[in-house]
Protein backbone atom coordinates (compact mmCIF):
# COMPACT_ATOMS: atom_id res chain seq x y z
CA MET A 1 135.45 87.62 126.04
CA LYS A 2 135.61 84.68 123.24
CA TRP A 3 137.78 83.14 125.66
CA ILE A 4 135.90 83.30 128.49
CA ALA A 5 132.88 81.72 126.42
CA ASN A 6 134.92 79.04 125.06
CA LYS A 7 135.74 78.37 128.37
CA LEU A 8 132.31 77.60 129.38
CA THR A 9 131.15 75.47 126.03
CA ASN A 10 133.95 73.88 124.17
CA TYR A 11 133.09 70.56 124.35
CA ASN A 12 135.52 69.30 121.51
CA SER A 13 138.62 71.11 123.49
CA SER A 14 141.63 68.35 124.67
CA ASN A 15 142.01 70.65 127.84
CA GLN A 16 139.13 70.78 130.67
CA SER A 17 137.03 73.35 129.54
CA ILE A 18 133.81 74.13 131.87
CA GLY A 19 131.55 72.80 129.31
CA LYS A 20 133.33 69.27 129.34
CA TYR A 21 132.87 69.38 133.04
CA LEU A 22 129.54 69.96 133.17
CA ARG A 23 128.79 67.28 130.56
CA LYS A 24 130.60 65.22 132.59
CA LYS A 25 128.49 65.98 135.56
CA ARG A 26 125.49 65.42 133.78
CA ILE A 27 126.01 62.35 132.25
CA SER A 28 126.38 61.08 135.19
CA LEU A 29 122.80 61.30 135.85
CA PHE A 30 122.54 59.05 132.46
CA LYS A 31 124.59 56.61 133.84
CA LYS A 32 122.65 55.80 136.40
CA MET A 33 119.40 55.45 134.01
CA ILE A 34 121.58 53.05 132.06
CA GLU A 35 122.61 51.07 135.14
CA LYS A 36 118.64 50.74 136.03
CA ILE A 37 117.56 49.59 132.80
CA PHE A 38 120.15 47.09 132.55
CA LEU A 39 119.32 45.18 136.17
CA LYS A 40 115.85 45.25 134.47
CA LYS A 41 116.81 44.35 131.29
CA GLY A 42 119.91 42.74 131.02
CA LYS A 43 121.04 45.00 128.38
CA VAL A 44 120.18 48.76 127.01
CA ASN A 45 119.46 49.65 123.58
CA ILE A 46 119.69 53.42 123.31
CA LEU A 47 118.66 55.32 120.36
CA ASP A 48 120.50 58.89 120.81
CA ILE A 49 118.60 61.31 118.44
CA GLY A 50 121.32 63.74 116.59
CA GLY A 51 124.13 61.65 118.50
CA THR A 52 127.85 61.66 117.15
CA VAL A 53 130.34 59.10 118.15
CA GLN A 54 132.31 62.06 119.41
CA TYR A 55 129.37 62.60 121.85
CA TRP A 56 129.95 59.01 123.44
CA LYS A 57 133.96 59.26 124.43
CA ILE A 58 132.57 60.67 127.72
CA ILE A 59 131.24 57.57 128.52
CA ASP A 60 134.05 54.57 129.25
CA ARG A 61 133.30 51.92 126.69
CA GLU A 62 134.19 49.76 129.81
CA PHE A 63 130.95 50.97 131.35
CA LEU A 64 129.12 50.15 128.23
CA THR A 65 130.43 46.97 127.54
CA ARG A 66 129.80 46.19 131.15
CA ASN A 67 126.38 46.83 131.00
CA HIS A 68 125.19 45.42 127.61
CA VAL A 69 124.77 48.94 125.77
CA ASN A 70 123.86 49.39 122.10
CA ILE A 71 123.08 52.43 120.45
CA SER A 72 122.01 53.32 117.73
CA LEU A 73 122.51 57.18 116.10
CA LEU A 74 119.30 58.63 114.35
CA ASN A 75 120.59 61.66 112.00
CA LEU A 76 119.18 63.26 109.16
CA PRO A 77 120.15 62.14 105.56
CA ASN A 78 123.36 63.48 104.59
CA SER A 79 124.38 64.78 108.19
CA GLN A 80 128.24 64.86 108.61
CA VAL A 81 128.33 62.21 110.51
CA ASN A 82 131.00 59.83 111.37
CA LYS A 83 130.36 56.42 110.27
CA ASP A 84 133.26 54.62 110.61
CA ASP A 85 132.72 53.29 114.30
CA PRO A 86 131.75 49.69 114.29
CA ASN A 87 130.38 49.99 117.98
CA PHE A 88 127.13 51.77 116.65
CA PHE A 89 124.74 51.63 114.35
CA PHE A 90 123.37 54.13 112.38
CA ILE A 91 119.50 55.62 111.24
CA GLU A 92 118.79 57.99 108.85
CA GLY A 93 115.42 59.71 109.32
CA ASP A 94 114.06 62.86 111.07
CA ALA A 95 112.31 63.02 114.21
CA THR A 96 110.23 65.72 113.36
CA THR A 97 107.88 63.00 111.18
CA ASN A 98 106.52 59.90 111.21
CA ILE A 99 110.17 58.45 112.06
CA TRP A 100 108.84 55.73 114.00
CA GLU A 101 106.27 53.53 111.83
CA LYS A 102 110.08 53.46 109.61
CA ILE A 103 111.71 52.60 113.40
CA ASN A 104 110.78 49.76 115.44
CA MET A 105 110.55 51.81 118.98
CA ASN A 106 110.45 48.26 120.47
CA ASN A 107 113.78 47.25 120.02
CA PHE A 108 114.97 50.65 122.29
CA ASN A 109 114.65 51.09 126.01
CA LEU A 110 115.68 54.72 126.47
CA ILE A 111 115.95 57.47 124.09
CA HIS A 112 119.02 60.13 124.29
CA SER A 113 119.17 63.38 122.47
CA ASN A 114 122.01 66.26 123.80
CA SER A 115 121.65 69.55 122.55
CA VAL A 116 119.14 68.83 119.37
CA ILE A 117 116.00 69.90 119.77
CA GLU A 118 116.35 73.58 119.87
CA HIS A 119 117.92 73.24 116.02
CA VAL A 120 114.87 71.12 114.41
CA GLY A 121 112.75 73.88 113.30
CA ASN A 122 109.97 76.29 114.48
CA TRP A 123 107.96 75.72 117.51
CA GLU A 124 105.52 73.16 115.17
CA LYS A 125 108.38 70.96 114.94
CA MET A 126 109.89 71.02 118.39
CA LYS A 127 106.19 69.93 119.53
CA SER A 128 106.34 67.07 116.62
CA PHE A 129 109.77 66.02 117.69
CA ALA A 130 108.52 66.36 121.52
CA ASN A 131 105.55 64.20 120.62
CA ASN A 132 107.53 61.52 118.88
CA ILE A 133 109.46 61.35 122.13
CA LYS A 134 106.56 60.86 124.28
CA SER A 135 104.63 58.36 122.61
CA PHE A 136 107.78 56.04 123.35
CA LYS A 137 106.84 53.46 125.58
CA GLY A 138 110.23 53.43 127.22
CA ASP A 139 112.27 55.91 129.24
CA TYR A 140 113.87 59.35 127.77
CA TYR A 141 116.90 61.79 128.77
CA ILE A 142 116.34 65.06 126.66
CA GLN A 143 118.90 68.04 127.14
CA THR A 144 118.63 71.49 125.92
CA PRO A 145 120.53 74.58 126.30
CA ASN A 146 118.96 77.46 128.40
CA PHE A 147 117.53 80.54 126.62
CA TRP A 148 118.47 83.18 129.86
CA PHE A 149 121.78 81.90 130.22
CA PRO A 150 123.89 85.23 129.00
CA ILE A 151 126.35 83.15 126.61
CA GLU A 152 124.74 81.97 123.73
CA PRO A 153 126.05 78.32 123.23
CA HIS A 154 126.40 77.66 119.64
CA CYS A 155 128.44 81.02 118.38
CA MET A 156 129.72 81.47 121.87
CA THR A 157 129.16 85.02 121.99
CA PRO A 158 127.46 86.85 125.13
CA PHE A 159 123.92 88.29 124.60
CA PHE A 160 123.76 87.16 121.49
CA GLN A 161 120.45 85.52 121.92
CA PHE A 162 119.00 88.98 123.62
CA PHE A 163 120.26 91.15 120.22
CA PRO A 164 117.75 92.73 117.35
CA LEU A 165 117.72 90.63 114.70
CA PRO A 166 119.72 93.16 111.94
CA LEU A 167 122.73 93.12 114.47
CA LYS A 168 122.99 89.52 114.72
CA ILE A 169 122.24 89.55 111.24
CA LYS A 170 125.24 92.10 111.13
CA LEU A 171 127.48 90.14 113.22
CA VAL A 172 126.99 86.99 111.46
CA SER A 173 127.83 88.45 108.17
CA LYS A 174 131.03 90.16 109.56
CA PHE A 175 132.74 87.77 111.95
CA ALA A 176 132.90 83.70 112.46
CA LEU A 177 131.54 83.33 115.99
CA GLY A 178 131.91 80.13 117.60
CA HIS A 179 130.77 77.02 116.18
CA TRP A 180 129.49 79.53 113.29
CA GLU A 181 131.33 80.08 110.34
CA LYS A 182 130.81 83.61 109.02
CA ALA A 183 128.01 84.20 106.48
CA LYS A 184 128.15 84.68 102.75
CA ASP A 185 125.53 86.85 102.34
CA VAL A 186 121.81 88.10 104.04
CA SER A 187 120.30 85.23 103.19
CA HIS A 188 122.93 82.80 104.93
CA ALA A 189 123.29 84.82 107.65
CA MET A 190 119.48 84.17 108.66
CA GLU A 191 119.83 80.41 108.15
CA ILE A 192 122.32 80.52 110.41
CA ILE A 193 120.56 82.05 112.76
CA GLU A 194 117.27 80.20 112.45
CA SER A 195 119.94 77.06 112.82
CA ALA A 196 119.51 77.75 116.76
CA ASN A 197 116.34 78.51 118.64
CA LEU A 198 116.66 78.15 122.57
CA LEU A 199 114.58 76.95 124.76
CA ASN A 200 113.07 78.63 128.38
CA PHE A 201 112.27 76.68 131.47
CA ALA A 202 108.39 77.00 130.68
CA MET A 203 109.05 76.05 126.88
CA ILE A 204 110.63 72.63 127.77
CA SER A 205 108.39 72.14 130.75
CA TYR A 206 104.94 72.30 128.02
CA LEU A 207 106.93 70.33 125.60
CA PHE A 208 107.52 67.53 127.80
CA GLU A 209 105.47 67.57 130.27
CA ASP A 210 105.05 64.06 131.85
CA SER A 211 109.13 64.33 132.63
CA LYS A 212 111.08 65.31 135.99
CA ILE A 213 112.59 68.66 134.71
CA ILE A 214 116.02 69.23 136.03
CA LYS A 215 117.93 72.59 135.83
CA GLU A 216 121.92 72.25 135.25
CA LYS A 217 123.13 75.34 137.16
CA PHE A 218 126.68 76.90 136.85
CA LEU A 219 127.15 80.30 139.13
CA PHE A 220 123.74 79.98 140.02
CA LEU A 221 122.56 80.00 136.33
CA ASN A 222 120.42 77.63 134.88
CA LYS A 223 123.01 76.62 132.10
CA SER A 224 120.63 73.96 130.38
CA PHE A 225 117.28 71.82 131.07
CA ILE A 226 117.09 68.09 131.39
CA ALA A 227 113.81 66.31 131.47
CA ILE A 228 113.82 62.99 132.20
CA ARG A 229 111.40 60.45 132.03
CA ASN A 230 112.30 57.14 134.26
């Protein structure tokens, strides 16, 4: 079963996993947003919330250069983000707070965030995250996995999100699951489990009510949702 999960969700593998295929397909929508802004503005300044240098390798450097794309990666302080690439700008901050008071959002044309909102914390944190993005005057592209997809994408374990909490704690305490390390104790197990809170369609629609919600499908199932405002 874990082999199946890896085929679905392993984006960093050198092999062509289904997850990588879907991400490339998904990014084609984002590339169209970039091209549209470039035609209007002559350049595209992107703020990627929670982004990494590795993620952007999915788009050819030639495409980014041709469309005069500049990318700023916003991450929490002390995040384990590679900052050695001179093609990116790096910003520290928390997008669930009054971060826009510290960042001049007029410098950006487009906000991007891929699989981040499910990690920001509880529902109030999610609302703050979404409200900050909606207050931005430009376009945005926000992606998040679907709660109802049968494989939980972080621990890459089928139906994990449906298990009762005691069973989740037991599994995380005994095994290293997917991207999660084996928990050291019960407290650590709870921290790992609470690090990801998946959203359903109603939740993402409520948070980003001013956007179009696109359902990304795999085998007739909704694998993830993309909120787009342009």
